[in-house]
Amino acid sequence: MDKIGKGIVAGFLATFVLSVLLDPMAMVARTAGVLSPTLGWTLHFLIGSVIWGAGFALLHDLLRGPSWLRGIAFGIVSWIVVVLVILPLTRLGLFGVEIGLAASVAMLLVHMIYGTVLGGIYGALIAPEDEHRGTRSRHDLHPLAR
């Protein structure tokens, strides 16, 4: 499986874990009141799996640190996108001012938890691939050794 496929799998599993822990669709339905529960859950899993999961896979190698820490950074960035783009489109205001600061902070924590799980799962999915390749030659370790 390629890196985007692994990102989608990790995104789906992270979305599932988050959904079991929190039921984010109940929060969205209460605050926005614009989605049917079925459409809300479908969008929730589509965005969490395909958009954020694939996006993380594409950005993973550009970030530093262990995968779970890269996931936290990615979760913070995804929260910024939500509060600057998505919430204003739902008429909840920039940073969700219409639903209060506590809700915005809670969303940040939820995105950080999602990112931690996403990064951890993605890291586990790519680790066997690295082991399968075996040891690296000296040419892989330093560009001047070529």
Protein backbone atom coordinates (compact mmCIF):
# COMPACT_ATOMS: atom_id res chain seq x y z
CA MET A 1 0.00 0.00 0.00
CA ASP A 2 1.33 3.46 -0.84
CA LYS A 3 1.74 6.31 1.63
CA ILE A 4 -1.58 7.97 0.75
CA GLY A 5 -3.41 4.66 1.24
CA LYS A 6 -1.73 4.26 4.62
CA GLY A 7 -2.70 7.84 5.47
CA ILE A 8 -6.34 7.13 4.61
CA VAL A 9 -6.32 3.97 6.74
CA ALA A 10 -4.71 5.87 9.63
CA GLY A 11 -7.18 8.73 9.16
CA PHE A 12 -10.14 6.35 9.22
CA LEU A 13 -8.92 4.60 12.36
CA ALA A 14 -8.13 7.89 14.10
CA THR A 15 -11.59 9.23 13.17
CA PHE A 16 -13.17 6.03 14.49
CA VAL A 17 -11.25 6.23 17.78
CA LEU A 18 -12.17 9.88 18.20
CA SER A 19 -15.82 9.14 17.41
CA VAL A 20 -15.96 6.36 20.01
CA LEU A 21 -14.46 8.66 22.62
CA LEU A 22 -16.38 11.85 21.95
CA ASP A 23 -19.34 11.68 19.54
CA PRO A 24 -18.30 14.87 17.69
CA MET A 25 -21.38 14.77 15.47
CA ALA A 26 -23.61 15.47 18.46
CA MET A 27 -21.56 18.60 19.13
CA VAL A 28 -21.74 19.70 15.50
CA ALA A 29 -25.46 19.03 15.21
CA ARG A 30 -26.19 20.99 18.39
CA THR A 31 -24.07 23.98 17.45
CA ALA A 32 -24.54 24.27 13.69
CA GLY A 33 -27.91 22.59 13.29
CA VAL A 34 -27.37 22.29 9.53
CA LEU A 35 -26.68 18.60 8.92
CA SER A 36 -28.72 15.46 9.20
CA PRO A 37 -26.96 12.94 11.45
CA THR A 38 -26.33 10.57 8.51
CA LEU A 39 -24.83 13.28 6.33
CA GLY A 40 -22.85 14.60 9.29
CA TRP A 41 -21.30 11.19 10.06
CA THR A 42 -20.56 10.59 6.36
CA LEU A 43 -18.78 13.93 6.04
CA HIS A 44 -17.01 13.39 9.35
CA PHE A 45 -15.49 10.08 8.21
CA LEU A 46 -14.82 11.29 4.66
CA ILE A 47 -12.93 14.36 5.85
CA GLY A 48 -11.14 12.59 8.71
CA SER A 49 -10.11 9.64 6.52
CA VAL A 50 -9.53 10.95 3.02
CA ILE A 51 -8.74 14.64 3.35
CA TRP A 52 -6.89 14.78 6.68
CA GLY A 53 -5.47 11.23 6.44
CA ALA A 54 -4.08 11.67 2.93
CA GLY A 55 -2.93 15.20 3.77
CA PHE A 56 -0.98 13.92 6.75
CA ALA A 57 0.65 11.21 4.65
CA LEU A 58 1.78 13.82 2.12
CA LEU A 59 3.16 16.15 4.82
CA HIS A 60 4.56 13.51 7.18
CA ASP A 61 8.09 13.53 5.80
CA LEU A 62 8.26 17.33 5.87
CA LEU A 63 7.63 17.41 9.62
CA ARG A 64 10.16 16.54 12.33
CA GLY A 65 9.99 14.25 15.33
CA PRO A 66 8.20 10.99 16.01
CA SER A 67 5.03 10.37 14.02
CA TRP A 68 2.73 10.99 16.97
CA LEU A 69 4.31 14.42 17.51
CA ARG A 70 4.02 15.18 13.80
CA GLY A 71 0.36 14.22 14.20
CA ILE A 72 -0.15 16.74 16.99
CA ALA A 73 1.35 19.49 14.81
CA PHE A 74 -0.90 18.40 11.95
CA GLY A 75 -3.92 18.39 14.29
CA ILE A 76 -3.20 21.97 15.32
CA VAL A 77 -2.94 23.05 11.68
CA SER A 78 -6.21 21.26 10.85
CA TRP A 79 -7.87 23.07 13.77
CA ILE A 80 -6.63 26.39 12.40
CA VAL A 81 -8.19 25.53 9.03
CA VAL A 82 -11.48 24.65 10.72
CA VAL A 83 -11.70 27.80 12.85
CA LEU A 84 -10.56 30.16 10.10
CA VAL A 85 -12.41 28.65 7.13
CA ILE A 86 -15.11 26.14 8.07
CA LEU A 87 -16.68 27.79 11.12
CA PRO A 88 -17.15 31.16 9.42
CA LEU A 89 -18.89 29.34 6.55
CA THR A 90 -21.35 27.80 9.03
CA ARG A 91 -22.08 31.26 10.47
CA LEU A 92 -20.42 30.37 13.77
CA GLY A 93 -17.88 33.15 13.27
CA LEU A 94 -14.12 33.31 13.13
CA PHE A 95 -12.70 30.92 15.74
CA GLY A 96 -16.30 29.93 16.51
CA VAL A 97 -17.01 33.10 18.50
CA GLU A 98 -20.73 32.40 18.28
CA ILE A 99 -20.34 29.19 20.29
CA GLY A 100 -17.81 30.54 22.78
CA LEU A 101 -14.13 30.29 23.57
CA ALA A 102 -14.53 27.06 25.53
CA ALA A 103 -15.91 25.28 22.45
CA SER A 104 -13.02 26.52 20.33
CA VAL A 105 -10.48 25.31 22.91
CA ALA A 106 -12.30 21.97 23.12
CA MET A 107 -12.07 21.66 19.32
CA LEU A 108 -8.34 22.33 19.53
CA LEU A 109 -7.93 19.54 22.09
CA VAL A 110 -10.03 17.18 19.95
CA HIS A 111 -7.89 17.94 16.89
CA MET A 112 -4.72 17.35 18.91
CA ILE A 113 -6.04 13.99 20.13
CA TYR A 114 -7.01 13.09 16.56
CA GLY A 115 -3.54 14.11 15.35
CA THR A 116 -1.82 12.05 18.05
CA VAL A 117 -3.79 8.93 17.11
CA LEU A 118 -3.37 9.63 13.37
CA GLY A 119 0.39 10.04 13.71
CA GLY A 120 0.76 7.00 15.94
CA ILE A 121 -1.18 4.73 13.59
CA TYR A 122 0.53 6.10 10.48
CA GLY A 123 3.92 5.63 12.13
CA ALA A 124 3.03 2.02 12.92
CA LEU A 125 1.89 1.44 9.33
CA ILE A 126 5.11 2.74 7.80
CA ALA A 127 7.43 1.10 10.34
CA PRO A 128 7.11 -2.45 8.88
CA GLU A 129 7.90 -1.01 5.44
CA ASP A 130 11.14 0.48 6.76
CA GLU A 131 12.11 -2.82 8.41
CA HIS A 132 11.30 -4.77 5.25
CA ARG A 133 13.81 -2.75 3.24
CA GLY A 134 16.62 -4.02 5.44
CA THR A 135 19.70 -2.07 6.34
CA ARG A 136 20.68 0.96 4.39
CA SER A 137 23.88 1.18 2.44
CA ARG A 138 26.39 3.93 3.12
CA HIS A 139 25.09 5.64 -0.05
CA ASP A 140 21.66 6.06 1.54
CA LEU A 141 23.09 7.59 4.68
CA HIS A 142 25.10 10.49 3.32
CA PRO A 143 24.71 12.28 -0.02
CA LEU A 144 28.47 12.92 -0.33
CA ALA A 145 29.25 9.20 0.05
CA ARG A 146 27.95 8.57 -3.46
